[in-house]
């Protein structure tokens, strides 16, 4: 084989790779748009009477996740099944965003932490690496850390809306989450940096709870709205 023939073959391989990346990019753009729509919908819980409409907003978000599953099915077909991590960087960010959104919906519905397996089911992908397109553990953890920041914001807005018991429940949840992360030996620099931000979320929520305690509103909220979800 001549040098020209060798480089022609290499160019062909490069072209195929670029075609795959372009096809992936198109699906990822659609996923990002759906994620923005879900986020916009859920942001309504922070505004005015938003707490009254949480069940309706969660139901609507679940419907949007049906679109996510369809888009994920399309994404799976755009690259060889054994090359997940070769192209992983293309969808890593949007997948983490979708994990956060799924976790936020589950928290709003039940005030519990969604499992990686449950998130994978919501998104229409696998939890186990051996079974193909899957939810990487670090992507799951990154999404959960974003949830912590969102709940810190929700704690503040709960007080504004007159819901004084919710920050107490959020505080208990976030402290438990922090304890869980402390059990992990995080070596991924990006994930470790994001985890370091969790302490600021914990502190922010503790300040809200402390302010409620000083004003004598925490006891009132616990009696008056402790069962509200």
Protein backbone atom coordinates (compact mmCIF):
# COMPACT_ATOMS: atom_id res chain seq x y z
CA UNK A 1 0.00 0.00 0.00
CA UNK A 2 1.36 3.38 -0.97
CA UNK A 3 1.56 6.35 1.38
CA UNK A 4 -1.28 8.03 -0.51
CA UNK A 5 -3.46 4.94 -0.16
CA UNK A 6 -2.67 4.72 3.56
CA UNK A 7 -3.69 8.31 4.16
CA UNK A 8 -6.77 7.95 2.00
CA UNK A 9 -7.85 5.07 4.23
CA UNK A 10 -7.15 7.17 7.32
CA UNK A 11 -9.20 10.02 5.90
CA UNK A 12 -12.07 7.61 5.35
CA UNK A 13 -11.92 6.52 8.99
CA UNK A 14 -11.78 10.13 10.16
CA UNK A 15 -14.76 10.98 8.01
CA UNK A 16 -16.81 8.16 9.49
CA UNK A 17 -15.90 9.29 12.98
CA UNK A 18 -16.94 12.87 12.21
CA UNK A 19 -20.24 11.64 10.78
CA UNK A 20 -20.95 9.72 13.99
CA UNK A 21 -20.16 12.75 16.13
CA UNK A 22 -22.42 14.95 14.03
CA UNK A 23 -25.31 12.51 14.38
CA UNK A 24 -24.74 12.35 18.13
CA UNK A 25 -24.62 16.15 18.32
CA UNK A 26 -28.04 16.46 16.68
CA UNK A 27 -29.70 14.12 19.18
CA UNK A 28 -27.92 15.76 22.12
CA UNK A 29 -29.24 19.15 21.00
CA UNK A 30 -32.77 17.72 21.08
CA UNK A 31 -32.13 16.30 24.55
CA UNK A 32 -30.85 19.66 25.75
CA UNK A 33 -34.01 21.34 24.48
CA UNK A 34 -36.22 18.84 26.31
CA UNK A 35 -34.14 19.30 29.47
CA UNK A 36 -34.65 23.06 29.24
CA UNK A 37 -38.39 22.56 28.94
CA UNK A 38 -38.46 20.33 32.03
CA UNK A 39 -36.31 22.78 33.98
CA UNK A 40 -38.51 25.72 33.02
CA UNK A 41 -41.55 23.77 34.17
CA UNK A 42 -40.05 22.80 37.52
CA UNK A 43 -38.72 26.29 38.22
CA UNK A 44 -42.33 27.27 38.76
CA UNK A 45 -42.25 25.68 42.22
CA UNK A 46 -40.05 28.57 43.37
CA UNK A 47 -42.55 31.23 42.40
CA UNK A 48 -45.51 32.50 44.42
CA UNK A 49 -48.16 29.79 44.75
CA UNK A 50 -45.91 27.23 43.07
CA UNK A 51 -46.04 24.81 46.03
CA UNK A 52 -49.75 24.31 45.45
CA UNK A 53 -49.07 23.03 41.94
CA UNK A 54 -46.20 20.62 42.67
CA UNK A 55 -48.16 17.42 41.84
CA UNK A 56 -49.35 18.87 38.53
CA UNK A 57 -45.87 20.08 37.59
CA UNK A 58 -44.33 16.72 38.45
CA UNK A 59 -46.92 14.91 36.36
CA UNK A 60 -46.19 17.20 33.41
CA UNK A 61 -42.45 16.69 33.88
CA UNK A 62 -42.98 12.92 33.79
CA UNK A 63 -44.65 13.35 30.42
CA UNK A 64 -41.60 15.22 29.14
CA UNK A 65 -39.41 12.34 30.28
CA UNK A 66 -41.35 10.21 27.81
CA UNK A 67 -39.80 12.39 25.10
CA UNK A 68 -36.39 11.94 26.74
CA UNK A 69 -36.73 8.17 26.51
CA UNK A 70 -37.52 8.38 22.80
CA UNK A 71 -34.51 10.64 22.23
CA UNK A 72 -32.29 8.30 24.23
CA UNK A 73 -33.37 5.40 22.06
CA UNK A 74 -32.29 7.42 19.03
CA UNK A 75 -28.95 8.29 20.63
CA UNK A 76 -28.16 4.63 21.27
CA UNK A 77 -28.26 3.93 17.54
CA UNK A 78 -25.76 6.63 16.56
CA UNK A 79 -22.55 4.90 17.63
CA UNK A 80 -21.16 1.36 18.11
CA UNK A 81 -22.38 -0.12 21.39
CA UNK A 82 -18.85 -0.91 22.57
CA UNK A 83 -17.65 2.69 22.15
CA UNK A 84 -19.72 4.37 24.88
CA UNK A 85 -16.81 6.09 26.58
CA UNK A 86 -15.25 7.18 23.31
CA UNK A 87 -18.21 9.48 22.70
CA UNK A 88 -19.36 9.93 26.30
CA UNK A 89 -18.17 13.54 26.48
CA UNK A 90 -20.82 14.56 23.93
CA UNK A 91 -23.78 13.71 26.17
CA UNK A 92 -22.17 13.83 29.64
CA UNK A 93 -23.42 17.31 30.53
CA UNK A 94 -27.01 16.85 29.36
CA UNK A 95 -27.18 13.45 31.04
CA UNK A 96 -26.11 14.98 34.35
CA UNK A 97 -28.73 17.68 33.89
CA UNK A 98 -31.40 15.05 33.24
CA UNK A 99 -30.32 13.12 36.35
CA UNK A 100 -30.80 16.29 38.39
CA UNK A 101 -34.23 16.91 36.89
CA UNK A 102 -35.35 13.32 37.51
CA UNK A 103 -34.04 13.52 41.08
CA UNK A 104 -35.83 16.84 41.63
CA UNK A 105 -39.13 15.40 40.43
CA UNK A 106 -38.80 12.38 42.71
CA UNK A 107 -37.89 14.61 45.65
CA UNK A 108 -40.88 16.89 45.04
CA UNK A 109 -43.14 13.85 44.85
CA UNK A 110 -41.86 11.93 47.87
CA UNK A 111 -39.00 13.88 49.51
CA UNK A 112 -36.71 10.90 49.00
CA UNK A 113 -33.45 10.38 47.11
CA UNK A 114 -33.90 8.65 43.79
CA UNK A 115 -31.66 5.63 43.17
CA UNK A 116 -29.38 5.34 40.17
CA UNK A 117 -31.48 2.42 38.97
CA UNK A 118 -34.68 4.48 39.18
CA UNK A 119 -33.08 7.39 37.28
CA UNK A 120 -31.92 5.02 34.56
CA UNK A 121 -35.47 3.71 34.25
CA UNK A 122 -36.90 7.23 34.03
CA UNK A 123 -34.42 8.10 31.27
CA UNK A 124 -34.88 4.83 29.41
CA UNK A 125 -31.27 3.66 29.73
CA UNK A 126 -29.43 0.96 31.65
CA UNK A 127 -27.97 1.09 35.15
CA UNK A 128 -25.42 -1.66 34.46
CA UNK A 129 -22.46 -0.90 32.23
CA UNK A 130 -22.46 -4.42 30.81
CA UNK A 131 -25.93 -3.95 29.33
CA UNK A 132 -25.01 -1.11 26.96
CA UNK A 133 -25.88 2.59 27.09
CA UNK A 134 -25.93 3.22 30.81
CA UNK A 135 -25.95 5.84 33.53
CA UNK A 136 -22.36 6.27 34.69
CA UNK A 137 -22.00 6.47 38.48
CA UNK A 138 -20.17 9.80 38.33
CA UNK A 139 -22.86 11.30 36.11
CA UNK A 140 -25.46 10.17 38.66
CA UNK A 141 -23.52 11.71 41.54
CA UNK A 142 -23.01 14.99 39.68
CA UNK A 143 -26.74 15.25 39.06
CA UNK A 144 -27.48 14.60 42.74
CA UNK A 145 -25.09 17.39 43.77
CA UNK A 146 -27.00 19.77 41.49
CA UNK A 147 -30.17 18.68 43.30
CA UNK A 148 -28.61 19.77 46.60
CA UNK A 149 -28.07 23.29 45.26
CA UNK A 150 -31.63 23.44 43.98
CA UNK A 151 -33.01 22.34 47.34
CA UNK A 152 -30.98 25.03 49.11
CA UNK A 153 -32.73 27.56 46.90
CA UNK A 154 -36.08 25.89 47.57
CA UNK A 155 -35.53 26.16 51.33
CA UNK A 156 -35.14 29.93 51.04
CA UNK A 157 -38.16 30.32 48.78
CA UNK A 158 -40.25 28.11 51.08
CA UNK A 159 -39.89 30.68 53.84
CA UNK A 160 -40.91 33.44 51.46
CA UNK A 161 -44.01 31.42 50.59
CA UNK A 162 -44.85 30.89 54.26
CA UNK A 163 -44.01 27.18 54.31
CA UNK A 164 -41.86 26.97 57.46
CA UNK A 165 -41.72 23.19 57.81
CA UNK A 166 -40.24 22.44 54.38
CA UNK A 167 -36.79 23.94 55.14
CA UNK A 168 -36.54 21.65 58.18
CA UNK A 169 -37.24 18.60 56.04
CA UNK A 170 -34.84 19.80 53.35
CA UNK A 171 -32.17 20.31 56.01
CA UNK A 172 -32.57 16.76 57.28
CA UNK A 173 -32.43 15.41 53.72
CA UNK A 174 -29.33 17.40 52.73
CA UNK A 175 -27.46 16.47 55.90
CA UNK A 176 -28.18 12.81 55.22
CA UNK A 177 -27.01 13.30 51.64
CA UNK A 178 -23.82 14.95 52.86
CA UNK A 179 -23.18 12.02 55.19
CA UNK A 180 -23.57 9.66 52.25
CA UNK A 181 -21.07 11.55 50.12
CA UNK A 182 -18.58 11.47 52.98
CA UNK A 183 -18.51 7.69 52.64
CA UNK A 184 -17.19 7.98 49.09
CA UNK A 185 -13.53 8.17 48.15
CA UNK A 186 -13.90 10.66 45.30
CA UNK A 187 -10.90 10.81 42.99
CA UNK A 188 -12.51 12.48 39.99
CA UNK A 189 -11.29 16.09 40.13
CA UNK A 190 -14.44 17.57 38.61
CA UNK A 191 -16.77 15.57 40.84
CA UNK A 192 -14.65 16.28 43.91
CA UNK A 193 -14.80 20.01 43.21
CA UNK A 194 -18.58 19.87 42.90
CA UNK A 195 -18.82 17.89 46.11
CA UNK A 196 -16.81 20.59 47.88
CA UNK A 197 -19.65 22.95 47.02
CA UNK A 198 -22.11 20.80 48.98
CA UNK A 199 -20.86 22.23 52.26
CA UNK A 200 -22.04 25.68 51.13
CA UNK A 201 -25.49 24.29 50.39
CA UNK A 202 -25.57 22.70 53.84
CA UNK A 203 -24.53 25.99 55.43
CA UNK A 204 -27.12 27.97 53.45
CA UNK A 205 -29.92 25.69 54.58
CA UNK A 206 -28.69 25.68 58.18
CA UNK A 207 -28.86 29.48 58.16
CA UNK A 208 -32.48 29.32 57.00
CA UNK A 209 -33.36 26.84 59.73
CA UNK A 210 -31.52 28.92 62.34
CA UNK A 211 -33.39 32.04 61.28
CA UNK A 212 -36.70 30.19 61.61
CA UNK A 213 -35.68 29.00 65.07
CA UNK A 214 -34.75 32.51 66.22
CA UNK A 215 -38.09 33.83 64.98
CA UNK A 216 -39.97 30.93 66.58
CA UNK A 217 -41.39 29.84 63.25
CA UNK A 218 -39.90 26.37 63.08
CA UNK A 219 -42.20 24.98 65.76
CA UNK A 220 -45.20 26.70 64.22
CA UNK A 221 -44.29 25.32 60.80
CA UNK A 222 -43.78 21.80 62.15
CA UNK A 223 -47.25 21.77 63.70
CA UNK A 224 -49.05 23.60 60.93
CA UNK A 225 -47.51 22.19 57.77
CA UNK A 226 -45.27 19.27 58.66
CA UNK A 227 -47.26 16.84 56.53
CA UNK A 228 -47.36 19.01 53.44
CA UNK A 229 -45.46 17.77 50.43
